[in-house]
Each structure stands twice: as structure tokens, then as C-alpha cells.
Amino acid sequence: MYKTQAADTTIEAEKIWFELIGKMPIETRLMQYHRASIQSQQIWWNLFK
């Protein structure tokens, strides 16, 4: 029961997130995506140092 509840909240959060992203201009979306990819690269870099 707990697992399905957690999955439902994740799905709900994703729906909200996609709605927010859908309202963003494409430029903003690209910037956000670019920033996120830079951050993940930095995290990987720190892990493998």
C-alpha cells in the first residue's frame, strides 16, 4: 500500500512538473536542462576524482 501511494505521489509530482515546464518558454527550458546537465557532470566528475 505504501509503495503504490509513493508511486502515485511521484506521478502527481511529475504531472505538475510537466505542466510547469509546458508553460515555460523553450529558451527557459533549454537553459534549465543545460544547467541540470552541467550539475550532473560536476557530480560525476567529483565522484570519479
Protein backbone atom coordinates (compact mmCIF):
# COMPACT_ATOMS: atom_id res chain seq x y z
CA MET A 1 0.00 0.00 0.00
CA TYR A 2 2.80 2.39 0.87
CA LYS A 3 4.60 1.65 -2.39
CA THR A 4 1.58 2.45 -4.55
CA GLN A 5 0.97 5.62 -2.56
CA ALA A 6 4.57 6.72 -3.12
CA ALA A 7 4.26 5.89 -6.82
CA ASP A 8 1.04 7.90 -7.04
CA THR A 9 2.61 10.96 -5.43
CA THR A 10 5.58 10.65 -7.80
CA ILE A 11 3.21 10.51 -10.77
CA GLU A 12 1.30 13.51 -9.43
CA ALA A 13 4.53 15.45 -8.92
CA GLU A 14 5.61 14.59 -12.46
CA LYS A 15 2.26 15.78 -13.84
CA ILE A 16 2.63 19.09 -12.00
CA TRP A 17 6.24 19.37 -13.15
CA PHE A 18 5.31 18.74 -16.79
CA GLU A 19 2.53 21.30 -16.56
CA LEU A 20 5.00 23.86 -15.23
CA ILE A 21 7.54 23.01 -17.93
CA GLY A 22 4.81 23.19 -20.55
CA LYS A 23 4.13 26.80 -19.53
CA MET A 24 7.81 27.76 -19.80
CA PRO A 25 9.26 29.28 -22.94
CA ILE A 26 11.52 26.94 -24.89
CA GLU A 27 14.59 29.10 -24.16
CA THR A 28 13.99 28.77 -20.42
CA ARG A 29 13.53 25.02 -20.78
CA LEU A 30 16.82 24.69 -22.65
CA MET A 31 18.62 26.78 -20.02
CA GLN A 32 17.19 24.66 -17.20
CA TYR A 33 18.13 21.44 -18.98
CA HIS A 34 21.62 22.74 -19.73
CA ARG A 35 22.13 23.79 -16.11
CA ALA A 36 20.93 20.40 -14.87
CA SER A 37 23.27 18.54 -17.22
CA ILE A 38 26.22 20.70 -16.11
CA GLN A 39 25.39 19.94 -12.46
CA SER A 40 25.18 16.19 -13.09
CA GLN A 41 28.50 16.30 -14.96
CA GLN A 42 30.08 18.07 -11.98
CA ILE A 43 28.67 15.45 -9.61
CA TRP A 44 30.08 12.62 -11.76
CA TRP A 45 33.40 14.45 -12.01
CA ASN A 46 33.57 14.77 -8.22
CA LEU A 47 32.74 11.09 -7.80
CA PHE A 48 35.49 9.96 -10.15
CA LYS A 49 38.21 12.34 -8.94
